[in-house]
Amino acid sequence: EVLLVDKAQLLTLSAPEMTVLLGGLRVLGANVGQ
């Protein structure tokens, strides 16, 4: 997630976009974990 945050800052993503991105990745990670 730290790398994603760094990339997001470079891309200047908005806060809502980051929330959606990280939220989606957490869901995918949870699905893969199961």
N, C-alpha and C. Protein backbone atom coordinates (compact mmCIF):
# COMPACT_ATOMS: atom_id res chain seq x y z
N GLU A 1 0.84 -1.20 0.00
CA GLU A 1 0.00 0.00 0.00
C GLU A 1 0.87 1.25 0.00
N VAL A 2 2.03 1.16 0.63
CA VAL A 2 2.92 2.33 0.66
C VAL A 2 3.34 2.70 -0.76
N LEU A 3 3.68 1.70 -1.56
CA LEU A 3 4.07 1.97 -2.95
C LEU A 3 2.92 2.59 -3.71
N LEU A 4 1.70 2.08 -3.47
CA LEU A 4 0.52 2.63 -4.15
C LEU A 4 0.33 4.08 -3.78
N VAL A 5 0.54 4.41 -2.51
CA VAL A 5 0.37 5.79 -2.07
C VAL A 5 1.39 6.69 -2.76
N ASP A 6 2.63 6.20 -2.86
CA ASP A 6 3.66 6.99 -3.53
C ASP A 6 3.28 7.23 -4.99
N LYS A 7 2.81 6.17 -5.66
CA LYS A 7 2.42 6.31 -7.07
C LYS A 7 1.24 7.25 -7.19
N ALA A 8 0.31 7.16 -6.25
CA ALA A 8 -0.88 8.01 -6.28
C ALA A 8 -0.47 9.48 -6.18
N GLN A 9 0.52 9.75 -5.33
CA GLN A 9 0.98 11.13 -5.17
C GLN A 9 1.61 11.62 -6.47
N LEU A 10 2.31 10.73 -7.15
CA LEU A 10 2.92 11.12 -8.42
C LEU A 10 1.84 11.39 -9.46
N LEU A 11 0.77 10.60 -9.41
CA LEU A 11 -0.33 10.77 -10.36
C LEU A 11 -1.32 11.82 -9.88
N THR A 12 -1.10 12.30 -8.66
CA THR A 12 -1.98 13.32 -8.05
C THR A 12 -3.44 12.87 -8.06
N LEU A 13 -3.66 11.63 -7.63
CA LEU A 13 -5.04 11.15 -7.52
C LEU A 13 -5.73 11.87 -6.38
N SER A 14 -7.02 12.03 -6.51
CA SER A 14 -7.78 12.69 -5.45
C SER A 14 -8.00 11.71 -4.30
N ALA A 15 -8.36 12.21 -3.14
CA ALA A 15 -8.57 11.36 -1.97
C ALA A 15 -9.65 10.32 -2.24
N PRO A 16 -10.79 10.69 -2.80
CA PRO A 16 -11.84 9.70 -3.07
C PRO A 16 -11.34 8.59 -4.00
N GLU A 17 -10.53 8.95 -4.99
CA GLU A 17 -10.02 7.94 -5.92
C GLU A 17 -9.11 6.97 -5.19
N MET A 18 -8.28 7.50 -4.28
CA MET A 18 -7.39 6.62 -3.52
C MET A 18 -8.19 5.69 -2.63
N THR A 19 -9.26 6.22 -2.02
CA THR A 19 -10.10 5.40 -1.14
C THR A 19 -10.70 4.25 -1.93
N VAL A 20 -11.22 4.54 -3.10
CA VAL A 20 -11.83 3.51 -3.94
C VAL A 20 -10.77 2.49 -4.37
N LEU A 21 -9.60 3.00 -4.76
CA LEU A 21 -8.54 2.11 -5.22
C LEU A 21 -8.09 1.17 -4.12
N LEU A 22 -7.76 1.71 -2.95
CA LEU A 22 -7.30 0.88 -1.84
C LEU A 22 -8.42 -0.05 -1.37
N GLY A 23 -9.65 0.45 -1.34
CA GLY A 23 -10.79 -0.38 -0.92
C GLY A 23 -10.94 -1.56 -1.87
N GLY A 24 -10.84 -1.31 -3.16
CA GLY A 24 -10.98 -2.39 -4.14
C GLY A 24 -9.86 -3.40 -4.00
N LEU A 25 -8.64 -2.94 -3.77
CA LEU A 25 -7.51 -3.85 -3.61
C LEU A 25 -7.68 -4.70 -2.36
N ARG A 26 -8.22 -4.12 -1.29
CA ARG A 26 -8.43 -4.89 -0.06
C ARG A 26 -9.45 -5.99 -0.30
N VAL A 27 -10.50 -5.66 -1.07
CA VAL A 27 -11.53 -6.66 -1.38
C VAL A 27 -10.91 -7.78 -2.21
N LEU A 28 -10.11 -7.42 -3.20
CA LEU A 28 -9.47 -8.44 -4.03
C LEU A 28 -8.53 -9.29 -3.18
N GLY A 29 -7.78 -8.65 -2.30
CA GLY A 29 -6.86 -9.37 -1.43
C GLY A 29 -7.60 -10.33 -0.52
N ALA A 30 -8.75 -9.90 -0.01
CA ALA A 30 -9.54 -10.75 0.88
C ALA A 30 -10.07 -11.95 0.10
N ASN A 31 -10.52 -11.72 -1.13
CA ASN A 31 -11.03 -12.81 -1.95
C ASN A 31 -9.93 -13.81 -2.26
N VAL A 32 -8.75 -13.32 -2.57
CA VAL A 32 -7.62 -14.20 -2.87
C VAL A 32 -7.22 -14.97 -1.62
N GLY A 33 -7.28 -14.30 -0.46
CA GLY A 33 -6.91 -14.94 0.80
C GLY A 33 -7.82 -16.11 1.13
N GLN A 34 -9.07 -16.00 0.74
CA GLN A 34 -10.02 -17.08 1.02
C GLN A 34 -9.76 -18.23 0.06
